[in-house]
N, C-alpha and C. Protein backbone atom coordinates (compact mmCIF):
# COMPACT_ATOMS: atom_id res chain seq x y z
N MET A 1 86.26 136.89 117.99
CA MET A 1 85.96 135.81 117.07
C MET A 1 86.94 135.98 115.88
N LYS A 2 87.48 134.88 115.44
CA LYS A 2 88.39 134.91 114.34
C LYS A 2 87.69 134.40 113.08
N LEU A 3 87.79 135.22 112.04
CA LEU A 3 87.21 134.83 110.75
C LEU A 3 88.27 134.96 109.71
N THR A 4 88.20 134.11 108.69
CA THR A 4 89.17 134.19 107.59
C THR A 4 88.66 135.30 106.63
N GLN A 5 89.55 135.70 105.75
CA GLN A 5 89.20 136.69 104.73
C GLN A 5 87.98 136.19 103.90
N LEU A 6 87.98 134.92 103.57
CA LEU A 6 86.88 134.34 102.81
C LEU A 6 85.59 134.41 103.56
N GLN A 7 85.58 134.09 104.82
CA GLN A 7 84.38 134.15 105.66
C GLN A 7 83.84 135.57 105.73
N ILE A 8 84.74 136.52 105.89
CA ILE A 8 84.32 137.95 105.96
C ILE A 8 83.67 138.37 104.66
N GLU A 9 84.29 137.96 103.54
CA GLU A 9 83.71 138.29 102.21
C GLU A 9 82.35 137.64 102.02
N VAL A 10 82.16 136.42 102.48
CA VAL A 10 80.87 135.74 102.32
C VAL A 10 79.80 136.47 103.15
N ILE A 11 80.15 136.88 104.36
CA ILE A 11 79.19 137.61 105.22
C ILE A 11 78.79 138.93 104.51
N ALA A 12 79.81 139.68 104.06
CA ALA A 12 79.54 140.96 103.40
C ALA A 12 78.68 140.76 102.13
N HIS A 13 78.98 139.72 101.39
CA HIS A 13 78.23 139.46 100.15
C HIS A 13 76.75 139.10 100.49
N LYS A 14 76.57 138.27 101.47
CA LYS A 14 75.20 137.85 101.83
C LYS A 14 74.36 139.06 102.34
N VAL A 15 75.01 139.88 103.14
CA VAL A 15 74.31 141.10 103.66
C VAL A 15 73.95 142.01 102.49
N LEU A 16 74.90 142.22 101.61
CA LEU A 16 74.67 143.09 100.48
C LEU A 16 73.56 142.56 99.58
N GLU A 17 73.58 141.28 99.31
CA GLU A 17 72.52 140.66 98.49
C GLU A 17 71.16 140.77 99.18
N HIS A 18 71.12 140.56 100.47
CA HIS A 18 69.86 140.66 101.21
C HIS A 18 69.31 142.09 101.10
N TRP A 19 70.18 143.07 101.27
CA TRP A 19 69.77 144.46 101.19
C TRP A 19 69.21 144.76 99.80
N LYS A 20 69.85 144.25 98.79
CA LYS A 20 69.42 144.49 97.40
C LYS A 20 68.09 143.86 97.16
N LYS A 21 67.89 142.62 97.62
CA LYS A 21 66.62 141.90 97.41
C LYS A 21 65.47 142.61 98.12
N GLN A 22 65.74 143.20 99.25
CA GLN A 22 64.71 143.87 100.05
C GLN A 22 64.57 145.34 99.65
N ASN A 23 65.32 145.78 98.66
CA ASN A 23 65.32 147.18 98.23
C ASN A 23 65.64 148.14 99.38
N LEU A 24 66.60 147.77 100.16
CA LEU A 24 66.98 148.60 101.33
C LEU A 24 68.17 149.49 101.00
N ILE A 25 68.75 149.33 99.82
CA ILE A 25 69.95 150.05 99.48
C ILE A 25 69.89 150.57 98.08
N THR A 26 70.37 151.80 97.87
CA THR A 26 70.52 152.36 96.54
C THR A 26 71.95 152.82 96.43
N PHE A 27 72.64 152.36 95.40
CA PHE A 27 74.04 152.69 95.26
C PHE A 27 74.25 154.04 94.61
N LYS A 28 75.08 154.85 95.30
CA LYS A 28 75.52 156.16 94.71
C LYS A 28 76.95 156.02 94.16
N VAL A 29 77.59 154.94 94.53
CA VAL A 29 78.92 154.61 94.00
C VAL A 29 78.89 153.16 93.52
N ASP A 30 79.99 152.74 92.91
CA ASP A 30 80.07 151.37 92.43
C ASP A 30 79.85 150.37 93.53
N GLU A 31 79.11 149.32 93.21
CA GLU A 31 78.78 148.31 94.20
C GLU A 31 80.05 147.62 94.79
N LYS A 32 81.10 147.51 93.98
CA LYS A 32 82.38 146.95 94.47
C LYS A 32 82.97 147.81 95.60
N LYS A 33 82.85 149.12 95.47
CA LYS A 33 83.38 150.00 96.50
C LYS A 33 82.60 149.81 97.80
N VAL A 34 81.33 149.64 97.70
CA VAL A 34 80.52 149.36 98.90
C VAL A 34 80.91 148.06 99.53
N PHE A 35 81.10 147.04 98.72
CA PHE A 35 81.52 145.70 99.19
C PHE A 35 82.87 145.78 99.90
N ILE A 36 83.84 146.50 99.31
CA ILE A 36 85.14 146.64 99.93
C ILE A 36 85.02 147.42 101.25
N LYS A 37 84.22 148.41 101.31
CA LYS A 37 84.01 149.21 102.57
C LYS A 37 83.38 148.30 103.63
N MET A 38 82.45 147.46 103.23
CA MET A 38 81.81 146.55 104.20
C MET A 38 82.83 145.62 104.80
N ILE A 39 83.71 145.10 103.96
CA ILE A 39 84.77 144.18 104.43
C ILE A 39 85.66 144.90 105.42
N ASP A 40 86.01 146.13 105.07
CA ASP A 40 86.88 146.94 105.93
C ASP A 40 86.24 147.20 107.29
N VAL A 41 84.97 147.52 107.32
CA VAL A 41 84.23 147.77 108.54
C VAL A 41 84.19 146.51 109.43
N ILE A 42 83.92 145.40 108.81
CA ILE A 42 83.85 144.12 109.54
C ILE A 42 85.20 143.81 110.15
N LYS A 43 86.26 143.99 109.38
CA LYS A 43 87.62 143.72 109.89
C LYS A 43 87.97 144.64 111.06
N LYS A 44 87.63 145.89 110.94
CA LYS A 44 87.89 146.82 112.06
C LYS A 44 87.14 146.46 113.32
N ASP A 45 85.91 146.03 113.14
CA ASP A 45 85.11 145.64 114.29
C ASP A 45 85.68 144.38 114.96
N LEU A 46 86.10 143.43 114.15
CA LEU A 46 86.73 142.22 114.72
C LEU A 46 88.05 142.53 115.37
N GLN A 47 88.79 143.51 114.87
CA GLN A 47 90.07 143.92 115.50
C GLN A 47 89.79 144.56 116.84
N LYS A 48 88.72 145.34 116.95
CA LYS A 48 88.35 145.96 118.24
C LYS A 48 88.11 144.86 119.30
N GLU A 49 87.40 143.84 118.88
CA GLU A 49 87.14 142.75 119.82
C GLU A 49 88.42 142.01 120.23
N GLN A 50 89.28 141.80 119.24
CA GLN A 50 90.56 141.14 119.53
C GLN A 50 91.41 141.99 120.49
N ASP A 51 91.44 143.31 120.23
CA ASP A 51 92.18 144.21 121.14
C ASP A 51 91.60 144.16 122.55
N LEU A 52 90.28 144.11 122.64
CA LEU A 52 89.61 144.03 123.92
C LEU A 52 90.03 142.75 124.65
N GLU A 53 90.05 141.65 123.94
CA GLU A 53 90.42 140.37 124.59
C GLU A 53 91.87 140.44 125.09
N HIS A 54 92.78 141.07 124.34
CA HIS A 54 94.16 141.20 124.82
C HIS A 54 94.20 142.05 126.07
N GLU A 55 93.43 143.09 126.10
CA GLU A 55 93.39 143.94 127.32
C GLU A 55 92.85 143.18 128.52
N VAL A 56 91.80 142.40 128.31
CA VAL A 56 91.23 141.61 129.41
C VAL A 56 92.27 140.59 129.90
N HIS A 57 92.99 139.94 129.00
CA HIS A 57 94.00 138.96 129.41
C HIS A 57 95.10 139.65 130.22
N ARG A 58 95.51 140.86 129.79
CA ARG A 58 96.55 141.59 130.58
C ARG A 58 96.05 141.93 131.94
N MET A 59 94.78 142.35 132.04
CA MET A 59 94.22 142.68 133.37
C MET A 59 94.15 141.45 134.25
N LEU A 60 93.70 140.34 133.66
CA LEU A 60 93.63 139.07 134.44
C LEU A 60 94.97 138.63 134.89
N ASP A 61 96.00 138.80 134.04
CA ASP A 61 97.35 138.46 134.46
C ASP A 61 97.80 139.29 135.66
N GLN A 62 97.47 140.59 135.64
CA GLN A 62 97.82 141.48 136.72
C GLN A 62 97.05 141.06 138.01
N LEU A 63 95.78 140.76 137.85
CA LEU A 63 95.00 140.34 139.02
C LEU A 63 95.56 139.04 139.61
N GLU A 64 96.00 138.13 138.79
CA GLU A 64 96.55 136.86 139.28
C GLU A 64 97.84 137.10 140.03
N ARG A 65 98.64 138.07 139.55
CA ARG A 65 99.92 138.37 140.26
C ARG A 65 99.63 139.02 141.62
N THR A 66 98.64 139.88 141.70
CA THR A 66 98.34 140.57 142.98
C THR A 66 97.51 139.74 143.95
N ASN A 67 96.78 138.72 143.45
CA ASN A 67 95.95 137.87 144.28
C ASN A 67 96.21 136.38 144.03
N PRO A 68 97.42 135.92 144.28
CA PRO A 68 97.72 134.51 144.00
C PRO A 68 96.86 133.56 144.86
N GLY A 69 96.38 132.52 144.23
CA GLY A 69 95.60 131.51 144.96
C GLY A 69 94.18 131.85 145.21
N GLU A 70 93.78 133.11 145.13
CA GLU A 70 92.40 133.53 145.44
C GLU A 70 91.62 133.85 144.16
N PHE A 71 92.21 133.66 143.07
CA PHE A 71 91.67 134.17 141.82
C PHE A 71 91.24 133.05 140.87
N GLU A 72 90.02 133.13 140.40
CA GLU A 72 89.53 132.11 139.42
C GLU A 72 89.35 132.82 138.06
N ARG A 73 90.37 132.66 137.24
CA ARG A 73 90.44 133.34 135.93
C ARG A 73 89.23 133.06 135.08
N TYR A 74 88.83 131.81 135.00
CA TYR A 74 87.72 131.43 134.10
C TYR A 74 86.39 132.07 134.49
N LYS A 75 86.22 132.42 135.77
CA LYS A 75 85.02 133.10 136.21
C LYS A 75 85.07 134.59 135.95
N MET A 76 86.26 135.16 136.10
CA MET A 76 86.41 136.58 135.94
C MET A 76 86.43 137.02 134.49
N TYR A 77 86.93 136.15 133.61
CA TYR A 77 87.10 136.54 132.19
C TYR A 77 85.80 137.11 131.56
N PRO A 78 84.69 136.36 131.62
CA PRO A 78 83.46 136.90 130.96
C PRO A 78 82.95 138.18 131.63
N ILE A 79 83.08 138.24 132.95
CA ILE A 79 82.61 139.41 133.65
C ILE A 79 83.39 140.67 133.27
N LEU A 80 84.73 140.49 133.28
CA LEU A 80 85.62 141.58 132.96
C LEU A 80 85.49 141.99 131.48
N LYS A 81 85.33 141.01 130.59
CA LYS A 81 85.19 141.29 129.21
C LYS A 81 83.92 142.10 128.92
N LYS A 82 82.82 141.68 129.54
CA LYS A 82 81.55 142.44 129.33
C LYS A 82 81.62 143.85 129.87
N LYS A 83 82.30 144.02 131.02
CA LYS A 83 82.38 145.34 131.62
C LYS A 83 83.24 146.27 130.76
N ILE A 84 84.39 145.79 130.34
CA ILE A 84 85.27 146.63 129.52
C ILE A 84 84.60 146.89 128.17
N ALA A 85 83.94 145.92 127.60
CA ALA A 85 83.27 146.12 126.30
C ALA A 85 82.22 147.22 126.44
N LYS A 86 81.48 147.20 127.53
CA LYS A 86 80.48 148.22 127.79
C LYS A 86 81.10 149.57 127.92
N ASP A 87 82.17 149.66 128.69
CA ASP A 87 82.88 150.94 128.90
C ASP A 87 83.46 151.50 127.60
N LYS A 88 83.97 150.61 126.74
CA LYS A 88 84.58 151.05 125.48
C LYS A 88 83.62 151.03 124.34
N LYS A 89 82.34 150.71 124.63
CA LYS A 89 81.30 150.66 123.60
C LYS A 89 81.61 149.72 122.45
N VAL A 90 82.12 148.55 122.81
CA VAL A 90 82.39 147.52 121.81
C VAL A 90 81.25 146.51 121.86
N ILE A 91 80.67 146.24 120.76
CA ILE A 91 79.55 145.33 120.65
C ILE A 91 80.12 143.94 120.50
N LEU A 92 79.73 143.01 121.40
CA LEU A 92 80.24 141.64 121.35
C LEU A 92 79.27 140.74 120.59
């Protein structure tokens, strides 16, 4: 999933505000540091998914080369993506 910097910041802000309203969080450091760390974690998670998608596309390209005419890419993509995500412990 592709998100802009602004969208990531909005998500982090809403989560942080929800946690504060529900008294689920107590800050031991400055709130801005927590916010920046949340943004960093979200970006890293999105990058993992993007890397996974690139790997799946490379695998599909290889399968198409080895099985020309017998291969339905659109059917294999979600199956392969779920399997690799599970193996690499990436949450989709």
